[in-house]
Amino acid sequence: MLRAMFVPGLRTTLPAFIALAGLLGSCKPSPSPAIDASDAMADAAPHVDASVTETPDAAPSPVETAARGKSLYDTYCGFCHGASGQGYKADQAPALANDDLLTVATDEYLRETIMKGRPGTTMSAWSVARGGPLAPPDAAAIVTYLRTWQKRPSAPPDARVVSGNAAAAGGTYTGLCANCHGVRGRNGKYNALANHELLTAASDGFLAITIEHGRAGTPMAAFGGKLSKTQIDDLVALLRSWKIPPEELPDLPPKAGSLASIVVNPKGPQPALEEAASFIKVDAVKHELDRGASMILIDARPPSDYARMHIAGAISVPFYQTADYAKQLPRDRYILTYCACPHAESGQVRDALRKLGYPRVAVIDEGLLVWRDRGYAVRGGAKP
């Protein structure tokens, strides 16, 4: 059920907003008639029936856009960020229904995050340009839906440029931040800070306000009472020092209908894995591969994630297009799906294939990152 949408100076529910939008939409000023020779000519011109004149489709109302955004959010976002934006449903994805975020994040910041993701993390790039399913209007619709969760007026941070001392912030970061965000902003439990797309989209003011006020109701504490403005500025400068160049966009894997090298060990025996299992441990999968067992490995993430890193031998089958790719998948092989969440996307592929009649489909339980950390074979690129 859609909640109240925040509009400056107006607080109303979305159903009521529909009626209001219709009322406002009908209040168009009528143009003042201009009297010149063309009016007389128009009077003499043949009559054209306005009922058959083609008119462009009306732009969707904010409520219609929010409704479409909800549908897109439910498909591509909710399984990690939570159905109501509460966050932390999978892979520590942050809360989105949080005023400490929504009041300082501009629409552009949110759109860019959706479209470009956070490379090297489990936050995928969802734009068509990066192999995903979303066009710019789709991302904008999701942002409109996110705004329905906002309760306080927006207060975007100022455009100040922080001139802090990065070297002075090392001890502060180690003591207050590294436990959650990782050493040098990498490989932490929560948001990766040393990320090009984050540091490009976030202004100095955004970073400073987030450090100062935190995110209420989440693990992100407010440090304004512990740190001085100088210390916060130093932390922002430290984060800026970690900004890395943007990575080149990788070649993307084949689309539905163009898969190749689908089966790993095509002439090998069937794997000694429980046929009805929903989850299989990574070590058991590796053991069967090492003995030459035949199987299909499916990476369920969006294509750009696959191209960046995937299990050697796996094919790309994005979870939102399973039925399209399934037409090429043989039914006589054991199929193992995986993602990095570690189940949110791969579980959807497993369930979809089972509904399509595939008898032996399971999820690699601990997911891609544990596979990699075990030292098992991974690779990048467009091919298995």
Protein backbone atom coordinates (compact mmCIF):
# COMPACT_ATOMS: atom_id res chain seq x y z
CA MET A 1 0.00 0.00 0.00
CA LEU A 2 1.50 3.33 -1.03
CA ARG A 3 2.26 5.68 1.83
CA ALA A 4 2.15 9.43 2.15
CA MET A 5 4.23 11.29 -0.42
CA PHE A 6 6.26 14.23 0.86
CA VAL A 7 5.80 17.37 -1.15
CA PRO A 8 7.09 20.66 0.28
CA GLY A 9 4.15 22.44 1.87
CA LEU A 10 1.85 19.48 1.39
CA ARG A 11 1.34 16.27 3.33
CA THR A 12 -1.30 13.96 1.94
CA THR A 13 -1.79 10.34 1.10
CA LEU A 14 -1.13 9.18 -2.45
CA PRO A 15 -4.81 8.38 -3.19
CA ALA A 16 -5.74 11.91 -2.12
CA PHE A 17 -2.83 13.22 -4.15
CA ILE A 18 -4.37 11.64 -7.26
CA ALA A 19 -7.48 13.76 -6.83
CA LEU A 20 -5.41 16.85 -6.11
CA ALA A 21 -3.17 16.26 -9.12
CA GLY A 22 -6.23 15.93 -11.31
CA LEU A 23 -7.63 19.16 -9.94
CA LEU A 24 -4.38 21.03 -10.45
CA GLY A 25 -3.99 19.55 -13.90
CA SER A 26 -7.37 20.96 -14.94
CA CYS A 27 -6.46 24.50 -13.88
CA LYS A 28 -4.60 25.49 -17.03
CA PRO A 29 -4.71 29.20 -17.87
CA SER A 30 -6.58 29.92 -21.04
CA PRO A 31 -4.60 31.89 -23.62
CA SER A 32 -5.83 35.43 -24.24
CA PRO A 33 -7.27 35.69 -27.74
CA ALA A 34 -5.20 37.75 -30.11
CA ILE A 35 -7.18 39.64 -32.71
CA ASP A 36 -5.51 39.91 -36.08
CA ALA A 37 -6.09 39.02 -39.68
CA SER A 38 -5.48 35.36 -39.06
CA ASP A 39 -8.64 35.13 -36.95
CA ALA A 40 -10.77 36.15 -39.88
CA MET A 41 -9.00 33.63 -42.07
CA ALA A 42 -9.57 30.93 -39.48
CA ASP A 43 -13.28 31.68 -39.48
CA ALA A 44 -13.37 30.93 -43.17
CA ALA A 45 -11.26 27.78 -42.96
CA PRO A 46 -12.85 24.31 -43.25
CA HIS A 47 -14.05 22.89 -39.90
CA VAL A 48 -11.82 20.22 -38.34
CA ASP A 49 -13.46 17.84 -35.88
CA ALA A 50 -11.39 18.04 -32.69
CA SER A 51 -12.61 14.59 -31.65
CA VAL A 52 -10.50 12.95 -34.33
CA THR A 53 -7.40 15.10 -33.88
CA GLU A 54 -4.46 13.12 -32.49
CA THR A 55 -3.06 14.45 -29.23
CA PRO A 56 0.07 13.28 -27.44
CA ASP A 57 -0.36 10.98 -24.47
CA ALA A 58 -0.60 12.85 -21.20
CA ALA A 59 2.43 12.57 -18.93
CA PRO A 60 1.86 10.17 -16.03
CA SER A 61 0.86 11.78 -12.75
CA PRO A 62 3.23 11.62 -9.75
CA VAL A 63 1.01 8.95 -8.24
CA GLU A 64 1.08 6.84 -11.40
CA THR A 65 4.85 7.22 -11.53
CA ALA A 66 5.17 6.19 -7.88
CA ALA A 67 2.99 3.14 -8.51
CA ARG A 68 5.22 2.07 -11.40
CA GLY A 69 8.24 2.75 -9.22
CA LYS A 70 6.84 0.46 -6.55
CA SER A 71 6.46 -2.36 -9.06
CA LEU A 72 10.05 -1.89 -10.22
CA TYR A 73 11.30 -1.63 -6.64
CA ASP A 74 9.54 -4.85 -5.68
CA THR A 75 11.21 -6.64 -8.61
CA TYR A 76 14.76 -5.32 -8.40
CA CYS A 77 15.33 -3.81 -4.95
CA GLY A 78 13.05 -5.14 -2.24
CA PHE A 79 14.69 -8.54 -1.85
CA CYS A 80 17.81 -6.83 -0.47
CA HIS A 81 16.57 -3.49 0.88
CA GLY A 82 13.30 -4.88 2.27
CA ALA A 83 9.74 -4.63 1.00
CA SER A 84 9.18 -1.41 2.94
CA GLY A 85 12.73 -0.08 2.59
CA GLN A 86 13.71 -1.15 6.09
CA GLY A 87 17.04 -2.50 4.83
CA TYR A 88 19.30 -5.37 5.84
CA LYS A 89 17.11 -8.10 4.39
CA ALA A 90 20.04 -9.47 2.39
CA ASP A 91 23.73 -8.71 2.36
CA GLN A 92 23.45 -5.79 4.79
CA ALA A 93 21.78 -3.63 2.13
CA PRO A 94 21.13 -0.26 3.80
CA ALA A 95 17.75 1.11 4.82
CA LEU A 96 16.17 3.37 2.20
CA ALA A 97 13.04 4.38 4.11
CA ASN A 98 15.15 6.60 6.31
CA ASP A 99 14.75 10.36 6.56
CA ASP A 100 18.39 10.87 7.44
CA LEU A 101 19.13 9.55 3.96
CA LEU A 102 16.18 10.86 1.98
CA THR A 103 16.33 14.43 3.26
CA VAL A 104 19.97 14.90 2.17
CA ALA A 105 20.03 12.71 -0.95
CA THR A 106 19.08 14.51 -4.14
CA ASP A 107 17.02 12.78 -6.80
CA GLU A 108 20.12 12.79 -9.00
CA TYR A 109 22.16 11.03 -6.32
CA LEU A 110 19.52 8.31 -5.96
CA ARG A 111 19.10 7.87 -9.73
CA GLU A 112 22.84 7.62 -10.28
CA THR A 113 23.13 5.04 -7.52
CA ILE A 114 20.43 2.90 -9.11
CA MET A 115 21.82 3.19 -12.62
CA LYS A 116 25.54 2.80 -11.91
CA GLY A 117 25.49 0.77 -8.71
CA ARG A 118 28.57 0.38 -6.57
CA PRO A 119 31.09 -1.66 -8.62
CA GLY A 120 32.87 -4.31 -6.60
CA THR A 121 30.01 -4.59 -4.11
CA THR A 122 26.68 -6.41 -4.15
CA MET A 123 24.93 -3.18 -5.23
CA SER A 124 24.48 -3.90 -8.93
CA ALA A 125 24.37 -1.45 -11.80
CA TRP A 126 20.79 -1.63 -13.10
CA SER A 127 21.00 0.61 -16.18
CA VAL A 128 20.48 -0.68 -19.70
CA ALA A 129 23.82 0.94 -20.59
CA ARG A 130 25.52 -1.45 -18.16
CA GLY A 131 23.57 -4.52 -19.19
CA GLY A 132 20.73 -4.14 -16.73
CA PRO A 133 16.97 -3.83 -17.28
CA LEU A 134 16.31 -0.20 -16.29
CA ALA A 135 16.11 2.88 -18.50
CA PRO A 136 16.47 6.38 -16.98
CA PRO A 137 12.67 6.84 -16.61
CA ASP A 138 12.54 3.56 -14.67
CA ALA A 139 15.17 4.76 -12.19
CA ALA A 140 13.30 8.05 -11.87
CA ALA A 141 10.09 6.17 -11.09
CA ILE A 142 11.83 4.21 -8.34
CA VAL A 143 13.12 7.46 -6.84
CA THR A 144 9.58 8.86 -6.91
CA TYR A 145 8.44 5.79 -4.99
CA LEU A 146 11.27 6.14 -2.45
CA ARG A 147 10.09 9.68 -1.80
CA THR A 148 6.74 8.33 -0.60
CA TRP A 149 8.62 7.11 2.48
CA GLN A 150 10.00 10.56 3.29
CA LYS A 151 8.44 12.37 6.26
CA ARG A 152 10.60 15.48 6.72
CA PRO A 153 11.30 18.20 4.17
CA SER A 154 14.36 17.73 1.99
CA ALA A 155 17.44 19.63 3.10
CA PRO A 156 20.14 18.89 0.51
CA PRO A 157 23.63 19.67 1.80
CA ASP A 158 25.34 22.81 0.69
CA ALA A 159 27.92 22.79 -2.06
CA ARG A 160 30.86 23.37 0.25
CA VAL A 161 34.18 21.76 -0.54
CA VAL A 162 35.88 20.36 2.54
CA SER A 163 39.55 21.21 2.99
CA GLY A 164 40.38 18.76 5.75
CA ASN A 165 43.62 16.97 6.57
CA ALA A 166 43.35 13.34 5.44
CA ALA A 167 46.50 12.31 7.30
CA ALA A 168 45.04 13.54 10.59
CA ALA A 169 41.95 11.30 10.26
CA GLY A 170 43.65 7.89 10.22
CA GLY A 171 43.27 7.22 13.92
CA THR A 172 39.72 8.51 14.01
CA TYR A 173 38.70 6.27 11.12
CA THR A 174 40.39 3.21 12.62
CA GLY A 175 38.73 3.77 15.97
CA LEU A 176 35.20 4.67 14.84
CA CYS A 177 34.65 3.48 11.28
CA ALA A 178 36.87 0.60 10.21
CA ASN A 179 34.98 -2.03 12.19
CA CYS A 180 31.91 -1.48 9.97
CA HIS A 181 33.36 -0.12 6.72
CA GLY A 182 36.63 -2.04 6.56
CA VAL A 183 40.27 -1.02 6.45
CA ARG A 184 40.65 1.85 3.98
CA GLY A 185 36.93 1.67 3.25
CA ARG A 186 36.97 -1.80 1.68
CA ASN A 187 35.65 -5.25 2.55
CA GLY A 188 33.68 -4.11 5.56
CA LYS A 189 30.37 -5.46 6.78
CA TYR A 190 28.47 -2.37 5.62
CA ASN A 191 28.75 0.20 2.83
CA ALA A 192 32.05 0.29 0.95
CA LEU A 193 33.39 3.83 1.20
CA ALA A 194 36.40 3.57 -1.10
CA ASN A 195 34.15 3.30 -4.13
CA HIS A 196 34.39 5.47 -7.23
CA GLU A 197 30.64 5.72 -7.86
CA LEU A 198 29.86 6.62 -4.24
CA LEU A 199 32.56 9.27 -4.03
CA THR A 200 31.54 10.71 -7.39
CA ALA A 201 27.84 10.97 -6.52
CA ALA A 202 28.21 12.14 -2.91
CA SER A 203 29.15 15.75 -2.24
CA ASP A 204 31.45 16.75 0.61
CA GLY A 205 28.41 18.13 2.39
CA PHE A 206 26.54 14.84 2.00
CA LEU A 207 29.44 12.90 3.52
CA ALA A 208 29.91 15.37 6.37
CA ILE A 209 26.22 15.43 7.29
CA THR A 210 26.06 11.64 7.21
CA ILE A 211 29.01 11.39 9.59
CA GLU A 212 27.54 14.05 11.86
CA HIS A 213 23.91 12.88 12.00
CA GLY A 214 24.22 9.17 11.11
CA ARG A 215 21.15 7.21 10.04
CA ALA A 216 18.66 6.79 12.87
CA GLY A 217 17.50 3.22 13.43
CA THR A 218 20.46 1.73 11.54
CA PRO A 219 23.99 0.68 12.52
CA MET A 220 25.26 4.06 11.23
CA ALA A 221 25.71 6.07 14.41
CA ALA A 222 25.75 9.87 14.69
CA PHE A 223 29.22 11.20 15.51
CA GLY A 224 28.40 14.89 15.74
CA GLY A 225 28.55 14.70 19.55
CA LYS A 226 31.93 12.97 19.53
CA LEU A 227 33.79 14.70 16.73
CA SER A 228 34.50 18.34 16.08
CA LYS A 229 33.80 19.95 12.71
CA THR A 230 37.54 19.81 11.98
CA GLN A 231 37.66 16.09 12.71
CA ILE A 232 34.65 15.47 10.46
CA ASP A 233 36.23 17.50 7.68
CA ASP A 234 39.40 15.46 8.08
CA LEU A 235 37.40 12.25 7.74
CA VAL A 236 35.79 13.52 4.54
CA ALA A 237 39.23 14.38 3.18
CA LEU A 238 40.41 10.87 4.05
CA LEU A 239 37.50 9.30 2.16
CA ARG A 240 38.27 11.52 -0.83
CA SER A 241 41.86 10.28 -0.80
CA TRP A 242 40.58 6.77 -1.42
CA LYS A 243 38.75 7.61 -4.63
CA ILE A 244 39.98 5.37 -7.42
CA PRO A 245 39.66 5.89 -11.18
CA PRO A 246 36.47 4.53 -12.76
CA GLU A 247 36.77 1.04 -14.10
CA GLU A 248 36.30 0.39 -17.79
CA LEU A 249 32.91 -1.05 -18.63
CA PRO A 250 33.46 -4.78 -19.22
CA ASP A 251 32.25 -6.77 -22.21
CA LEU A 252 28.88 -8.21 -21.28
CA PRO A 253 27.90 -11.91 -21.45
CA PRO A 254 25.58 -13.32 -24.13
CA LYS A 255 21.91 -12.45 -24.01
CA ALA A 256 19.06 -14.96 -23.94
CA GLY A 257 19.17 -17.25 -26.96
CA SER A 258 22.92 -16.82 -27.48
CA LEU A 259 24.38 -18.91 -24.66
CA ALA A 260 27.43 -21.04 -25.35
CA SER A 261 29.40 -23.59 -23.30
CA ILE A 262 26.39 -24.11 -21.07
CA VAL A 263 27.42 -27.39 -19.40
CA VAL A 264 30.57 -27.80 -17.31
CA ASN A 265 32.21 -31.20 -17.94
CA PRO A 266 29.59 -32.20 -20.53
CA LYS A 267 30.91 -35.78 -20.78
CA GLY A 268 31.30 -36.29 -17.06
CA PRO A 269 29.12 -38.29 -14.64
CA GLN A 270 26.16 -36.87 -12.78
CA PRO A 271 27.18 -35.15 -9.52
CA ALA A 272 26.71 -37.02 -6.26
CA LEU A 273 24.45 -34.31 -4.84
CA GLU A 274 21.05 -34.66 -3.21
CA GLU A 275 18.51 -34.27 -6.01
CA ALA A 276 15.85 -32.53 -3.93
CA ALA A 277 18.22 -30.21 -2.07
CA SER A 278 17.50 -26.49 -2.10
CA PHE A 279 21.02 -25.54 -1.00
CA ILE A 280 24.40 -27.17 -1.60
CA LYS A 281 27.57 -26.15 0.23
CA VAL A 282 30.38 -24.60 -1.80
CA ASP A 283 32.84 -27.29 -0.78
CA ALA A 284 30.52 -30.03 -2.02
CA VAL A 285 30.15 -28.30 -5.38
CA LYS A 286 33.92 -27.87 -5.69
CA HIS A 287 34.46 -31.53 -4.84
CA GLU A 288 32.10 -32.63 -7.62
CA LEU A 289 33.73 -30.31 -10.14
CA ASP A 290 37.16 -31.64 -9.21
CA ARG A 291 36.06 -35.19 -9.94
CA GLY A 292 34.73 -34.12 -13.34
CA ALA A 293 31.00 -34.22 -12.61
CA SER A 294 28.73 -32.68 -15.22
CA MET A 295 26.55 -29.72 -14.17
CA ILE A 296 25.33 -26.27 -15.11
CA LEU A 297 26.50 -23.31 -13.02
CA ILE A 298 24.30 -20.20 -13.22
CA ASP A 299 25.25 -16.72 -12.11
CA ALA A 300 21.94 -15.09 -11.20
CA ARG A 301 23.19 -11.49 -10.92
CA PRO A 302 22.88 -8.71 -13.50
CA PRO A 303 25.29 -9.05 -16.45
CA SER A 304 27.81 -6.39 -15.37
CA ASP A 305 28.38 -8.24 -12.09
CA TYR A 306 28.98 -11.47 -13.99
CA ALA A 307 31.45 -9.75 -16.31
CA ARG A 308 33.36 -8.36 -13.35
CA MET A 309 33.74 -11.74 -11.62
CA HIS A 310 32.05 -15.13 -11.83
CA ILE A 311 32.73 -18.75 -10.97
CA ALA A 312 34.83 -20.28 -13.73
CA GLY A 313 32.53 -22.21 -16.06
CA ALA A 314 29.32 -20.43 -15.02
CA ILE A 315 26.90 -18.85 -17.47
CA SER A 316 24.95 -15.63 -16.95
CA VAL A 317 21.21 -15.98 -16.36
CA PRO A 318 19.92 -12.78 -14.73
CA PHE A 319 17.24 -13.62 -12.19
CA TYR A 320 14.71 -11.29 -13.83
CA GLN A 321 14.98 -13.09 -17.21
CA THR A 322 15.13 -16.72 -16.17
CA ALA A 323 12.32 -17.88 -18.45
CA ASP A 324 13.99 -16.34 -21.52
CA TYR A 325 17.31 -18.06 -20.85
CA ALA A 326 15.73 -21.36 -19.78
CA LYS A 327 14.87 -22.20 -23.39
CA GLN A 328 18.53 -23.15 -23.93
CA LEU A 329 19.05 -25.09 -20.73
CA PRO A 330 19.01 -28.90 -20.92
CA ARG A 331 16.79 -30.61 -18.37
CA ASP A 332 19.00 -33.65 -17.83
CA ARG A 333 21.73 -31.86 -15.87
CA TYR A 334 22.01 -30.78 -12.28
CA ILE A 335 21.75 -26.97 -12.13
CA LEU A 336 23.41 -24.91 -9.42
CA THR A 337 22.67 -21.19 -9.11
CA TYR A 338 24.54 -18.58 -7.12
CA CYS A 339 24.75 -14.87 -6.38
CA ALA A 340 26.64 -12.79 -3.81
CA CYS A 341 23.75 -12.00 -1.45
CA PRO A 342 24.09 -15.05 -1.06
CA HIS A 343 20.52 -16.31 -1.81
CA ALA A 344 18.34 -13.35 -2.77
CA GLU A 345 18.83 -13.56 -6.55
CA SER A 346 19.97 -17.18 -6.92
CA GLY A 347 16.94 -18.38 -4.97
CA GLN A 348 14.66 -16.67 -7.47
CA VAL A 349 16.35 -18.47 -10.37
CA ARG A 350 16.09 -21.80 -8.57
CA ASP A 351 12.40 -21.31 -7.88
CA ALA A 352 11.66 -20.13 -11.43
CA LEU A 353 13.42 -23.11 -13.00
CA ARG A 354 11.60 -25.53 -10.72
CA LYS A 355 8.30 -24.02 -11.81
CA LEU A 356 9.39 -24.53 -15.42
CA GLY A 357 9.86 -28.24 -14.76
CA TYR A 358 13.59 -28.53 -14.13
CA PRO A 359 13.89 -31.39 -11.64
CA ARG A 360 17.30 -30.78 -10.03
CA VAL A 361 18.07 -27.16 -9.16
CA ALA A 362 19.80 -25.90 -6.02
CA VAL A 363 21.54 -22.77 -4.74
CA ILE A 364 25.24 -22.73 -3.91
CA ASP A 365 24.65 -21.96 -0.30
CA GLU A 366 27.35 -19.54 0.80
CA GLY A 367 27.49 -17.75 -2.54
CA LEU A 368 30.15 -16.30 -4.81
CA LEU A 369 32.17 -14.38 -2.24
CA VAL A 370 32.78 -17.40 -0.03
CA TRP A 371 33.69 -19.38 -3.17
CA ARG A 372 36.25 -16.71 -4.03
CA ASP A 373 37.57 -16.47 -0.47
CA ARG A 374 38.11 -20.23 -0.42
CA GLY A 375 40.52 -19.74 -3.32
CA TYR A 376 38.29 -21.58 -5.79
CA ALA A 377 38.45 -20.57 -9.44
CA VAL A 378 36.81 -17.33 -10.52
CA ARG A 379 37.31 -15.23 -13.60
CA GLY A 380 36.09 -12.05 -15.26
CA GLY A 381 34.87 -11.33 -18.75
CA ALA A 382 31.94 -12.23 -20.94
CA LYS A 383 32.65 -15.96 -21.32
CA PRO A 384 32.26 -18.85 -18.87
